[in-house]
Amino acid sequence: MIKKIPLPMAGLILALAALGNLLASYSPAIRWTLGALAGILYVMYVIKMFSSVEKTREDLQNPVVAGVFATFPMATMLLSTYLAPFIGKAAYFLWLFGVGFHAALIVWFTMTFALKKDIKLVFPTWFILYVGIVVASVTGGAFGAIGIARACFWFGLCAYIVLIPIVCYRVFVVKNIPEPALATVIVFTAPGGLLLTGFMNAFEVKPQLLLYFLTIVPCAFYLFALTQLPKVFKLKFYPSISAITFPMVITAIGFKLTNAYLTAQGTPIAGLPILVKGMELIAVVCVFYALYGYFKFLTAKPQS
């Protein structure tokens, strides 16, 4: 089973850990169960990487896979918060490793793909790579690393603003996204949701104008992602199905935190709590749909 684990599965691992945080308000047991499942899959994933180094290098020559691979350091950062109560300071160093690994991956990816200036190498997964480091903003507070958390947020926000027209041009004008990568269009909703979540976690003072921007833009891309989900569900299984998981989860988390913040400020938005419940449900469906697909894929007997 471990030998069959593809690099994009890191996205599912990240989503399971994030889903645990999303649903923690309902029961701590749900959080720990999903976190434990993510942890088990993470260990299997690492074993696969170290046991198949050449295959990993080969897969990373694909720009889609290379972009999705950023979910590995993102998952590392998120899982470190689960481990903090058990391994103490070691969890902080694991978190730092995740941040450093992600930063190094950005540099490598830029030199390998971005500097070629080939629009056909651009995919929505570029959002994962360049904005994904904002997971440090979501998790940094757990280790008191507010400076790093805020620096990663501003980097991610700048990258997001630059990438929006480039990725939109690739997807809506150039088009011709290969079928195995079609699920990555759902990634459009991920960076906005992640930035909103990072903003809520890393900043005590929240400028109103920035809050509006980080709320309205993810709304637009989330609605677009919803229109694409039925098409993705009709596709046969591809490892890229993990692309529908974390984007839906992190956007739901961002809006859940926003709803809590606005309520605490005495400026609640009517209907937002209901919207959040719906987003939670969609996130659960997407994660378990992908989890079931991966389970069938990993446990299927080789065809003779």
Protein backbone atom coordinates (compact mmCIF):
# COMPACT_ATOMS: atom_id res chain seq x y z
CA MET A 1 0.00 0.00 0.00
CA ILE A 2 2.73 2.47 0.97
CA LYS A 3 4.48 2.03 -2.38
CA LYS A 4 1.35 3.27 -4.17
CA ILE A 5 1.06 6.52 -2.21
CA PRO A 6 1.27 9.44 -4.68
CA LEU A 7 2.72 12.84 -3.74
CA PRO A 8 -0.63 14.68 -4.10
CA MET A 9 -1.99 12.67 -1.15
CA ALA A 10 -0.30 15.22 1.12
CA GLY A 11 -3.26 17.46 0.31
CA LEU A 12 -5.64 14.93 1.82
CA ILE A 13 -3.45 14.59 4.93
CA LEU A 14 -3.47 18.37 5.34
CA ALA A 15 -7.23 18.48 4.87
CA LEU A 16 -7.89 15.80 7.50
CA ALA A 17 -5.83 17.70 10.08
CA ALA A 18 -7.58 20.96 9.16
CA LEU A 19 -11.00 19.30 9.25
CA GLY A 20 -10.26 18.21 12.80
CA ASN A 21 -9.82 21.87 13.74
CA LEU A 22 -12.95 22.88 11.85
CA LEU A 23 -15.10 20.32 13.69
CA ALA A 24 -13.40 20.63 17.11
CA SER A 25 -16.21 22.87 18.34
CA TYR A 26 -18.57 19.92 18.10
CA SER A 27 -16.35 17.45 19.94
CA PRO A 28 -12.65 17.30 20.86
CA ALA A 29 -12.84 13.58 20.06
CA ILE A 30 -13.58 14.39 16.42
CA ARG A 31 -10.51 16.61 16.26
CA TRP A 32 -8.22 14.01 17.77
CA THR A 33 -9.62 11.22 15.61
CA LEU A 34 -9.08 13.15 12.39
CA GLY A 35 -5.70 14.37 13.61
CA ALA A 36 -4.63 10.82 14.42
CA LEU A 37 -5.74 9.61 10.98
CA ALA A 38 -3.82 12.46 9.36
CA GLY A 39 -0.78 11.57 11.47
CA ILE A 40 -0.86 7.90 10.45
CA LEU A 41 -1.12 8.81 6.78
CA TYR A 42 1.66 11.38 7.25
CA VAL A 43 4.04 8.73 8.59
CA MET A 44 3.18 6.42 5.68
CA TYR A 45 3.74 9.32 3.29
CA VAL A 46 7.20 10.08 4.71
CA ILE A 47 8.17 6.40 4.51
CA LYS A 48 7.12 6.37 0.86
CA MET A 49 9.20 9.48 0.09
CA PHE A 50 12.37 8.14 1.68
CA SER A 51 11.96 4.67 0.21
CA SER A 52 11.36 6.00 -3.32
CA VAL A 53 13.62 9.03 -3.61
CA GLU A 54 14.19 8.71 -7.34
CA LYS A 55 10.47 8.33 -8.03
CA THR A 56 9.79 11.41 -5.90
CA ARG A 57 12.32 13.44 -7.86
CA GLU A 58 10.79 12.25 -11.11
CA ASP A 59 7.26 13.18 -10.01
CA LEU A 60 8.39 16.65 -8.95
CA GLN A 61 9.28 17.44 -12.57
CA ASN A 62 5.53 17.76 -13.14
CA PRO A 63 4.50 21.36 -12.27
CA VAL A 64 1.08 20.25 -11.01
CA VAL A 65 2.56 17.64 -8.67
CA ALA A 66 5.33 20.01 -7.58
CA GLY A 67 2.75 22.64 -6.65
CA VAL A 68 0.59 20.19 -4.73
CA PHE A 69 3.68 18.87 -2.94
CA ALA A 70 3.68 22.12 -0.95
CA THR A 71 0.85 20.59 1.06
CA PHE A 72 3.48 18.37 2.69
CA PRO A 73 5.23 21.17 4.63
CA MET A 74 1.80 22.72 5.20
CA ALA A 75 0.64 19.46 6.80
CA THR A 76 3.86 19.37 8.82
CA MET A 77 3.13 22.79 10.28
CA LEU A 78 -0.46 21.90 11.10
CA LEU A 79 0.30 18.50 12.60
CA SER A 80 2.98 20.05 14.81
CA THR A 81 0.19 21.83 16.71
CA TYR A 82 -1.44 18.47 17.39
CA LEU A 83 1.86 17.13 18.75
CA ALA A 84 2.71 20.16 20.90
CA PRO A 85 0.95 18.86 24.06
CA PHE A 86 2.93 15.62 23.83
CA ILE A 87 6.41 16.50 22.63
CA GLY A 88 6.70 20.12 23.81
CA LYS A 89 9.58 22.12 22.30
CA ALA A 90 10.22 19.45 19.68
CA ALA A 91 6.89 20.37 18.10
CA TYR A 92 8.14 23.93 17.64
CA PHE A 93 11.22 22.69 15.80
CA LEU A 94 9.00 20.49 13.64
CA TRP A 95 6.94 23.59 12.87
CA LEU A 96 10.09 25.53 11.97
CA PHE A 97 11.13 22.68 9.69
CA GLY A 98 7.77 22.93 7.93
CA VAL A 99 8.14 26.68 7.44
CA GLY A 100 11.74 26.37 6.23
CA PHE A 101 10.92 23.47 3.92
CA HIS A 102 8.06 25.43 2.38
CA ALA A 103 10.24 28.49 1.86
CA ALA A 104 12.92 26.36 0.21
CA LEU A 105 10.28 24.74 -1.99
CA ILE A 106 9.13 28.19 -3.15
CA VAL A 107 12.68 29.08 -4.18
CA TRP A 108 13.21 25.74 -5.98
CA PHE A 109 9.84 25.92 -7.76
CA THR A 110 10.45 29.48 -8.88
CA MET A 111 13.82 28.58 -10.37
CA THR A 112 12.53 25.35 -11.93
CA PHE A 113 9.18 26.46 -13.34
CA ALA A 114 8.22 30.10 -12.79
CA LEU A 115 11.35 31.62 -14.37
CA LYS A 116 10.62 29.73 -17.60
CA LYS A 117 7.73 32.18 -18.15
CA ASP A 118 5.67 29.49 -19.89
CA ILE A 119 1.97 30.09 -19.27
CA LYS A 120 1.23 26.40 -19.88
CA LEU A 121 3.24 25.57 -16.76
CA VAL A 122 0.86 27.66 -14.69
CA PHE A 123 -1.91 25.84 -12.80
CA PRO A 124 -4.14 26.75 -9.85
CA THR A 125 -1.72 24.71 -7.73
CA TRP A 126 0.63 27.71 -7.88
CA PHE A 127 -1.67 29.20 -5.25
CA ILE A 128 -0.86 26.26 -2.97
CA LEU A 129 2.85 26.80 -3.34
CA TYR A 130 3.12 30.56 -3.01
CA VAL A 131 0.22 31.29 -0.65
CA GLY A 132 0.34 27.99 1.24
CA ILE A 133 3.09 29.24 3.53
CA VAL A 134 0.34 31.28 5.22
CA VAL A 135 -0.37 28.08 7.19
CA ALA A 136 2.46 29.47 9.34
CA SER A 137 0.14 32.40 10.11
CA VAL A 138 -2.62 30.00 11.13
CA THR A 139 -0.39 27.90 13.39
CA GLY A 140 2.38 30.26 14.52
CA GLY A 141 0.43 31.56 17.49
CA ALA A 142 0.53 28.11 19.08
CA PHE A 143 4.29 28.54 19.42
CA GLY A 144 4.40 32.27 20.11
CA ALA A 145 6.01 32.85 16.69
CA ILE A 146 3.87 35.86 15.82
CA GLY A 147 6.63 37.61 13.91
CA ILE A 148 7.11 34.69 11.52
CA ALA A 149 3.36 34.22 11.30
CA ARG A 150 2.73 37.81 10.23
CA ALA A 151 5.66 37.87 7.80
CA CYS A 152 4.30 34.74 6.09
CA PHE A 153 0.86 36.33 5.91
CA TRP A 154 2.13 39.43 4.11
CA PHE A 155 4.20 37.33 1.72
CA GLY A 156 1.20 35.17 0.95
CA LEU A 157 -1.09 38.17 0.44
CA CYS A 158 1.34 39.80 -2.01
CA ALA A 159 1.77 36.51 -3.87
CA TYR A 160 -2.02 36.09 -4.02
CA ILE A 161 -2.55 39.52 -5.56
CA VAL A 162 0.14 38.86 -8.17
CA LEU A 163 -1.08 35.35 -9.01
CA ILE A 164 -4.82 36.04 -9.37
CA PRO A 165 -4.61 37.56 -12.91
CA ILE A 166 -1.93 35.08 -14.04
CA VAL A 167 -3.79 31.95 -12.93
CA CYS A 168 -7.15 33.30 -14.12
CA TYR A 169 -5.64 33.98 -17.56
CA ARG A 170 -4.26 30.43 -17.69
CA VAL A 171 -7.52 28.78 -16.66
CA PHE A 172 -10.13 30.95 -18.38
CA VAL A 173 -8.30 32.20 -21.50
CA VAL A 174 -5.57 29.69 -22.37
CA LYS A 175 -7.62 26.78 -20.94
CA ASN A 176 -6.64 23.22 -22.01
CA ILE A 177 -6.20 21.93 -18.47
CA PRO A 178 -5.51 18.15 -18.74
CA GLU A 179 -8.24 15.92 -17.28
CA PRO A 180 -5.99 14.54 -14.49
CA ALA A 181 -5.50 18.13 -13.30
CA LEU A 182 -9.10 19.34 -13.65
CA ALA A 183 -9.78 18.94 -9.93
CA THR A 184 -7.18 21.62 -9.25
CA VAL A 185 -9.64 24.35 -10.30
CA ILE A 186 -11.17 23.94 -6.83
CA VAL A 187 -7.89 25.33 -5.48
CA PHE A 188 -9.12 28.80 -6.48
CA THR A 189 -10.94 29.04 -3.17
CA ALA A 190 -7.97 27.94 -1.04
CA PRO A 191 -5.68 31.00 -0.91
CA GLY A 192 -8.44 33.43 0.02
CA GLY A 193 -9.75 31.12 2.73
CA LEU A 194 -6.24 30.51 4.03
CA LEU A 195 -5.39 34.22 4.12
CA LEU A 196 -8.64 34.95 5.95
CA THR A 197 -7.86 32.25 8.52
CA GLY A 198 -4.28 33.45 8.91
CA PHE A 199 -5.47 37.02 9.30
CA MET A 200 -7.90 36.01 12.04
CA ASN A 201 -5.26 34.04 13.93
CA ALA A 202 -2.16 36.24 13.55
CA PHE A 203 -3.53 39.76 14.06
CA GLU A 204 -5.23 41.19 17.12
CA VAL A 205 -6.05 44.47 15.38
CA LYS A 206 -7.94 43.77 12.17
CA PRO A 207 -8.13 46.67 9.67
CA GLN A 208 -11.70 46.80 8.39
CA LEU A 209 -10.78 47.36 4.74
CA LEU A 210 -8.47 44.33 4.69
CA LEU A 211 -11.11 42.25 6.45
CA TYR A 212 -13.64 43.14 3.74
CA PHE A 213 -11.15 42.21 0.99
CA LEU A 214 -10.28 38.89 2.64
CA THR A 215 -13.98 38.08 3.03
CA ILE A 216 -15.43 39.18 -0.31
CA VAL A 217 -12.75 37.72 -2.62
CA PRO A 218 -12.90 34.19 -1.09
CA CYS A 219 -16.71 34.35 -1.42
CA ALA A 220 -16.44 34.85 -5.17
CA PHE A 221 -13.92 32.06 -5.66
CA TYR A 222 -15.81 29.75 -3.30
CA LEU A 223 -18.96 30.14 -5.39
CA PHE A 224 -16.94 29.37 -8.51
CA ALA A 225 -15.51 26.26 -6.84
CA LEU A 226 -19.03 25.09 -5.98
CA THR A 227 -20.02 25.29 -9.65
CA GLN A 228 -17.04 23.09 -10.56
CA LEU A 229 -17.53 20.41 -7.92
CA PRO A 230 -20.22 18.45 -9.84
CA LYS A 231 -17.86 18.19 -12.82
CA VAL A 232 -15.02 16.98 -10.61
CA PHE A 233 -17.23 14.37 -8.96
CA LYS A 234 -17.98 12.90 -12.40
CA LEU A 235 -14.30 12.29 -13.17
CA LYS A 236 -12.64 8.95 -12.58
CA PHE A 237 -10.17 8.81 -9.71
CA TYR A 238 -6.99 10.81 -10.07
CA PRO A 239 -4.58 11.58 -7.21
CA SER A 240 -5.35 15.25 -7.87
CA ILE A 241 -8.74 14.69 -6.20
CA SER A 242 -7.02 15.81 -3.01
CA ALA A 243 -7.31 19.32 -4.48
CA ILE A 244 -11.00 19.47 -3.52
CA THR A 245 -10.32 18.86 0.18
CA PHE A 246 -8.21 21.51 1.91
CA PRO A 247 -9.62 24.43 -0.11
CA MET A 248 -13.14 23.69 1.10
CA VAL A 249 -12.01 23.07 4.67
CA ILE A 250 -9.85 26.16 5.07
CA THR A 251 -12.47 28.43 3.52
CA ALA A 252 -15.03 27.09 5.99
CA ILE A 253 -12.58 27.69 8.86
CA GLY A 254 -11.96 31.25 7.69
CA PHE A 255 -15.64 32.10 7.58
CA LYS A 256 -16.30 30.35 10.88
CA LEU A 257 -13.62 32.47 12.55
CA THR A 258 -14.96 35.60 10.85
CA ASN A 259 -18.47 34.87 12.09
CA ALA A 260 -17.16 34.43 15.64
CA TYR A 261 -15.15 37.66 15.41
CA LEU A 262 -18.03 39.74 14.05
CA THR A 263 -20.37 38.33 16.69
CA ALA A 264 -17.89 39.20 19.45
CA GLN A 265 -17.59 42.72 18.01
CA GLY A 266 -21.36 43.12 18.16
CA THR A 267 -21.67 43.33 14.36
CA PRO A 268 -22.95 39.90 13.33
CA ILE A 269 -24.06 39.29 9.74
CA ALA A 270 -27.51 37.75 9.44
CA GLY A 271 -27.40 34.35 7.78
CA LEU A 272 -23.66 33.91 8.15
CA PRO A 273 -23.96 31.21 10.85
CA ILE A 274 -26.21 29.19 8.53
CA LEU A 275 -23.78 29.71 5.66
CA VAL A 276 -20.93 28.43 7.85
CA LYS A 277 -22.90 25.27 8.71
CA GLY A 278 -23.40 24.62 5.02
CA MET A 279 -19.72 25.16 4.31
CA GLU A 280 -18.81 22.73 7.08
CA LEU A 281 -21.05 20.09 5.54
CA ILE A 282 -19.56 20.60 2.08
CA ALA A 283 -16.05 20.36 3.53
CA VAL A 284 -16.86 17.06 5.24
CA VAL A 285 -18.34 15.64 2.03
CA CYS A 286 -15.32 16.67 -0.05
CA VAL A 287 -12.76 15.28 2.39
CA PHE A 288 -14.47 11.93 2.83
CA TYR A 289 -15.17 11.64 -0.88
CA ALA A 290 -11.45 12.01 -1.57
CA LEU A 291 -10.55 9.74 1.37
CA TYR A 292 -12.80 6.99 -0.01
CA GLY A 293 -11.27 7.41 -3.47
CA TYR A 294 -7.77 7.11 -2.07
CA PHE A 295 -8.74 4.11 0.03
CA LYS A 296 -10.01 2.26 -3.04
CA PHE A 297 -6.94 3.29 -5.02
CA LEU A 298 -4.41 2.22 -2.37
CA THR A 299 -6.11 -1.09 -1.53
CA ALA A 300 -6.93 -2.14 -5.10
CA LYS A 301 -5.20 -5.28 -6.27
CA PRO A 302 -2.86 -4.83 -9.24
CA GLN A 303 -4.47 -5.82 -12.50
CA SER A 304 -2.87 -8.86 -14.08
